[in-house]
């Protein structure tokens, strides 16, 4: 196609549930899964989610499109903004 493969951005899209404890994250994921028939690729504490995302970064992913669920539970979004993204930018 005439394009340098090194210029191709690798992206990832999927669901994420993050909470202060693993048990809380799993409970939220279970509730959302029953309601939405949705699977979540990243589930856990901020530290755990950072580890999961770094594995993708190590594979060359440099762009994430994350479904955080939204209302009424904003915990994942708040932790993504306040803890996960800053940790990934270190």
N, C-alpha and C. Protein backbone atom coordinates (compact mmCIF):
# COMPACT_ATOMS: atom_id res chain seq x y z
N UNK A 1 0.82 -1.19 0.00
CA UNK A 1 0.00 0.00 0.00
C UNK A 1 0.86 1.26 0.00
N UNK A 2 2.15 1.10 0.04
CA UNK A 2 3.02 2.26 -0.01
C UNK A 2 3.15 3.01 1.30
N UNK A 3 2.81 2.37 2.39
CA UNK A 3 2.88 3.05 3.69
C UNK A 3 3.89 2.34 4.57
N UNK A 4 4.71 3.13 5.25
CA UNK A 4 5.69 2.58 6.17
C UNK A 4 4.94 2.00 7.38
N UNK A 5 5.08 0.70 7.65
CA UNK A 5 4.37 0.10 8.79
C UNK A 5 4.66 0.79 10.12
N UNK A 6 5.80 1.42 10.24
CA UNK A 6 6.15 2.11 11.49
C UNK A 6 5.25 3.32 11.73
N UNK A 7 4.58 3.81 10.69
CA UNK A 7 3.71 4.98 10.85
C UNK A 7 2.27 4.60 11.20
N UNK A 8 1.97 3.32 11.21
CA UNK A 8 0.61 2.87 11.52
C UNK A 8 0.40 2.90 13.03
N UNK A 9 -0.62 3.64 13.46
CA UNK A 9 -0.94 3.69 14.89
C UNK A 9 -1.74 2.46 15.26
N UNK A 10 -1.45 1.94 16.42
CA UNK A 10 -2.16 0.78 16.93
C UNK A 10 -3.09 1.24 18.05
N UNK A 11 -4.36 0.93 17.89
CA UNK A 11 -5.34 1.37 18.88
C UNK A 11 -6.02 0.16 19.51
N UNK A 12 -6.66 0.42 20.62
CA UNK A 12 -7.39 -0.62 21.35
C UNK A 12 -8.70 0.01 21.82
N UNK A 13 -9.78 -0.74 21.74
CA UNK A 13 -11.06 -0.27 22.24
C UNK A 13 -11.75 -1.36 23.03
N UNK A 14 -12.33 -0.98 24.15
CA UNK A 14 -13.04 -1.96 24.96
C UNK A 14 -13.51 -1.36 26.26
N UNK A 15 -14.04 -2.23 27.10
CA UNK A 15 -14.61 -1.80 28.36
C UNK A 15 -13.62 -1.85 29.51
N UNK A 16 -13.86 -0.99 30.48
CA UNK A 16 -13.00 -0.91 31.67
C UNK A 16 -13.87 -0.66 32.89
N UNK A 17 -13.60 -1.41 33.94
CA UNK A 17 -14.24 -1.16 35.24
C UNK A 17 -13.11 -1.09 36.26
N UNK A 18 -13.03 0.05 36.93
CA UNK A 18 -11.98 0.26 37.92
C UNK A 18 -12.62 0.75 39.22
N UNK A 19 -12.09 0.29 40.34
CA UNK A 19 -12.60 0.67 41.66
C UNK A 19 -11.45 0.59 42.66
N UNK A 20 -11.64 1.15 43.85
CA UNK A 20 -10.57 1.12 44.85
C UNK A 20 -10.12 -0.28 45.25
N UNK A 21 -11.02 -1.27 45.17
CA UNK A 21 -10.63 -2.64 45.49
C UNK A 21 -11.02 -3.56 44.33
N UNK A 22 -10.32 -4.69 44.23
CA UNK A 22 -10.61 -5.67 43.18
C UNK A 22 -12.04 -6.20 43.32
N UNK A 23 -12.44 -6.48 44.56
CA UNK A 23 -13.79 -7.01 44.79
C UNK A 23 -14.86 -6.03 44.33
N UNK A 24 -14.66 -4.75 44.61
CA UNK A 24 -15.62 -3.72 44.20
C UNK A 24 -15.68 -3.64 42.67
N UNK A 25 -14.54 -3.68 42.02
CA UNK A 25 -14.50 -3.63 40.55
C UNK A 25 -15.22 -4.83 39.95
N UNK A 26 -14.99 -6.00 40.50
CA UNK A 26 -15.64 -7.20 39.99
C UNK A 26 -17.15 -7.16 40.21
N UNK A 27 -17.58 -6.58 41.33
CA UNK A 27 -19.02 -6.46 41.59
C UNK A 27 -19.66 -5.52 40.56
N UNK A 28 -19.03 -4.37 40.31
CA UNK A 28 -19.55 -3.43 39.31
C UNK A 28 -19.60 -4.08 37.93
N UNK A 29 -18.52 -4.77 37.57
CA UNK A 29 -18.47 -5.43 36.26
C UNK A 29 -19.57 -6.47 36.15
N UNK A 30 -19.81 -7.21 37.22
CA UNK A 30 -20.87 -8.21 37.21
C UNK A 30 -22.24 -7.60 37.04
N UNK A 31 -22.49 -6.48 37.72
CA UNK A 31 -23.78 -5.79 37.60
C UNK A 31 -23.97 -5.26 36.19
N UNK A 32 -22.95 -4.64 35.64
CA UNK A 32 -23.05 -4.07 34.28
C UNK A 32 -23.16 -5.18 33.25
N UNK A 33 -22.47 -6.28 33.46
CA UNK A 33 -22.52 -7.37 32.49
C UNK A 33 -23.94 -7.93 32.40
N UNK A 34 -24.58 -8.10 33.53
CA UNK A 34 -25.95 -8.62 33.51
C UNK A 34 -26.90 -7.64 32.82
N UNK A 35 -26.67 -6.35 33.03
CA UNK A 35 -27.56 -5.34 32.46
C UNK A 35 -27.30 -5.10 30.97
N UNK A 36 -26.04 -5.15 30.56
CA UNK A 36 -25.68 -4.75 29.20
C UNK A 36 -25.20 -5.89 28.31
N UNK A 37 -25.04 -7.08 28.88
CA UNK A 37 -24.44 -8.19 28.13
C UNK A 37 -23.09 -7.77 27.55
N UNK A 38 -22.33 -7.06 28.34
CA UNK A 38 -21.05 -6.53 27.90
C UNK A 38 -19.92 -7.18 28.68
N UNK A 39 -18.83 -7.44 28.01
CA UNK A 39 -17.64 -7.96 28.68
C UNK A 39 -16.66 -6.81 28.87
N UNK A 40 -15.84 -6.91 29.89
CA UNK A 40 -14.89 -5.86 30.19
C UNK A 40 -13.49 -6.43 30.09
N UNK A 41 -12.66 -5.73 29.37
CA UNK A 41 -11.30 -6.20 29.16
C UNK A 41 -10.39 -5.83 30.32
N UNK A 42 -10.60 -4.66 30.91
CA UNK A 42 -9.80 -4.22 32.04
C UNK A 42 -10.72 -4.14 33.25
N UNK A 43 -10.43 -4.92 34.29
CA UNK A 43 -11.21 -4.90 35.52
C UNK A 43 -10.24 -4.97 36.68
N UNK A 44 -10.36 -4.02 37.62
CA UNK A 44 -9.51 -4.08 38.80
C UNK A 44 -9.28 -2.74 39.44
N UNK A 45 -8.27 -2.71 40.30
CA UNK A 45 -7.86 -1.47 40.96
C UNK A 45 -7.08 -0.63 39.95
N UNK A 46 -6.82 0.65 40.25
CA UNK A 46 -6.02 1.45 39.34
C UNK A 46 -4.66 0.81 39.02
N UNK A 47 -3.99 0.27 40.02
CA UNK A 47 -2.68 -0.36 39.79
C UNK A 47 -2.82 -1.54 38.83
N UNK A 48 -3.85 -2.35 39.03
CA UNK A 48 -4.08 -3.52 38.19
C UNK A 48 -4.41 -3.10 36.75
N UNK A 49 -5.26 -2.09 36.59
CA UNK A 49 -5.62 -1.62 35.25
C UNK A 49 -4.41 -1.03 34.54
N UNK A 50 -3.57 -0.29 35.25
CA UNK A 50 -2.33 0.23 34.65
C UNK A 50 -1.47 -0.92 34.14
N UNK A 51 -1.33 -1.96 34.93
CA UNK A 51 -0.53 -3.12 34.50
C UNK A 51 -1.12 -3.75 33.24
N UNK A 52 -2.45 -3.88 33.20
CA UNK A 52 -3.11 -4.47 32.04
C UNK A 52 -2.91 -3.59 30.80
N UNK A 53 -3.03 -2.28 30.96
CA UNK A 53 -2.87 -1.38 29.83
C UNK A 53 -1.42 -1.33 29.36
N UNK A 54 -0.49 -1.39 30.29
CA UNK A 54 0.94 -1.37 29.91
C UNK A 54 1.30 -2.58 29.05
N UNK A 55 0.65 -3.71 29.28
CA UNK A 55 0.90 -4.88 28.45
C UNK A 55 0.55 -4.58 26.99
N UNK A 56 -0.52 -3.83 26.76
CA UNK A 56 -0.88 -3.45 25.40
C UNK A 56 0.09 -2.40 24.85
N UNK A 57 0.51 -1.48 25.69
CA UNK A 57 1.49 -0.47 25.26
C UNK A 57 2.77 -1.15 24.83
N UNK A 58 3.18 -2.17 25.57
CA UNK A 58 4.39 -2.93 25.22
C UNK A 58 4.25 -3.61 23.85
N UNK A 59 3.02 -3.88 23.43
CA UNK A 59 2.77 -4.48 22.12
C UNK A 59 2.67 -3.43 21.01
N UNK A 60 2.78 -2.16 21.39
CA UNK A 60 2.75 -1.09 20.39
C UNK A 60 1.49 -0.26 20.35
N UNK A 61 0.53 -0.55 21.22
CA UNK A 61 -0.69 0.26 21.25
C UNK A 61 -0.36 1.63 21.83
N UNK A 62 -0.82 2.68 21.12
CA UNK A 62 -0.56 4.03 21.62
C UNK A 62 -1.83 4.88 21.68
N UNK A 63 -2.98 4.24 21.50
CA UNK A 63 -4.24 4.97 21.52
C UNK A 63 -5.31 4.04 22.09
N UNK A 64 -5.94 4.46 23.19
CA UNK A 64 -6.98 3.67 23.84
C UNK A 64 -8.33 4.37 23.74
N UNK A 65 -9.36 3.62 23.38
CA UNK A 65 -10.74 4.10 23.40
C UNK A 65 -11.45 3.27 24.45
N UNK A 66 -11.67 3.86 25.62
CA UNK A 66 -12.13 3.11 26.79
C UNK A 66 -13.57 3.46 27.12
N UNK A 67 -14.42 2.44 27.21
CA UNK A 67 -15.79 2.61 27.67
C UNK A 67 -15.79 2.47 29.18
N UNK A 68 -16.04 3.58 29.87
CA UNK A 68 -16.00 3.59 31.34
C UNK A 68 -17.37 3.39 31.97
N UNK A 69 -18.38 3.23 31.18
CA UNK A 69 -19.71 2.98 31.73
C UNK A 69 -20.55 4.23 31.91
N UNK A 70 -20.04 5.21 32.61
CA UNK A 70 -20.80 6.44 32.79
C UNK A 70 -21.81 6.37 33.91
N UNK A 71 -22.85 7.18 33.79
CA UNK A 71 -23.84 7.33 34.84
C UNK A 71 -24.56 6.02 35.12
N UNK A 72 -24.92 5.72 36.35
CA UNK A 72 -24.77 6.55 37.53
C UNK A 72 -23.42 6.38 38.24
N UNK A 73 -22.62 5.41 37.82
CA UNK A 73 -21.36 5.13 38.52
C UNK A 73 -20.19 5.74 37.76
N UNK A 74 -19.64 6.82 38.31
CA UNK A 74 -18.52 7.52 37.67
C UNK A 74 -17.17 7.12 38.25
N UNK A 75 -17.14 6.10 39.09
CA UNK A 75 -15.90 5.69 39.75
C UNK A 75 -14.80 5.38 38.75
N UNK A 76 -15.10 4.60 37.72
CA UNK A 76 -14.08 4.23 36.74
C UNK A 76 -13.53 5.47 36.05
N UNK A 77 -14.40 6.36 35.62
CA UNK A 77 -13.95 7.57 34.93
C UNK A 77 -13.07 8.42 35.84
N UNK A 78 -13.48 8.59 37.08
CA UNK A 78 -12.69 9.38 38.03
C UNK A 78 -11.32 8.77 38.27
N UNK A 79 -11.25 7.46 38.43
CA UNK A 79 -9.96 6.79 38.66
C UNK A 79 -9.11 6.81 37.39
N UNK A 80 -9.73 6.72 36.24
CA UNK A 80 -8.99 6.79 34.98
C UNK A 80 -8.30 8.15 34.86
N UNK A 81 -9.04 9.21 35.12
CA UNK A 81 -8.50 10.57 35.00
C UNK A 81 -7.48 10.88 36.09
N UNK A 82 -7.78 10.51 37.33
CA UNK A 82 -6.96 10.93 38.46
C UNK A 82 -5.79 10.02 38.80
N UNK A 83 -5.87 8.73 38.42
CA UNK A 83 -4.81 7.80 38.82
C UNK A 83 -4.20 7.03 37.65
N UNK A 84 -5.04 6.49 36.77
CA UNK A 84 -4.52 5.61 35.71
C UNK A 84 -3.75 6.39 34.66
N UNK A 85 -4.36 7.44 34.09
CA UNK A 85 -3.66 8.20 33.05
C UNK A 85 -2.37 8.85 33.55
N UNK A 86 -2.37 9.46 34.75
CA UNK A 86 -1.09 9.99 35.24
C UNK A 86 -0.02 8.91 35.40
N UNK A 87 -0.41 7.73 35.85
CA UNK A 87 0.57 6.64 36.01
C UNK A 87 1.11 6.19 34.66
N UNK A 88 0.27 6.16 33.64
CA UNK A 88 0.72 5.75 32.31
C UNK A 88 1.61 6.82 31.66
N UNK A 89 1.45 8.06 32.07
CA UNK A 89 2.25 9.15 31.51
C UNK A 89 3.60 9.32 32.18
N UNK A 90 3.85 8.55 33.25
CA UNK A 90 5.16 8.64 33.94
C UNK A 90 6.25 8.04 33.09
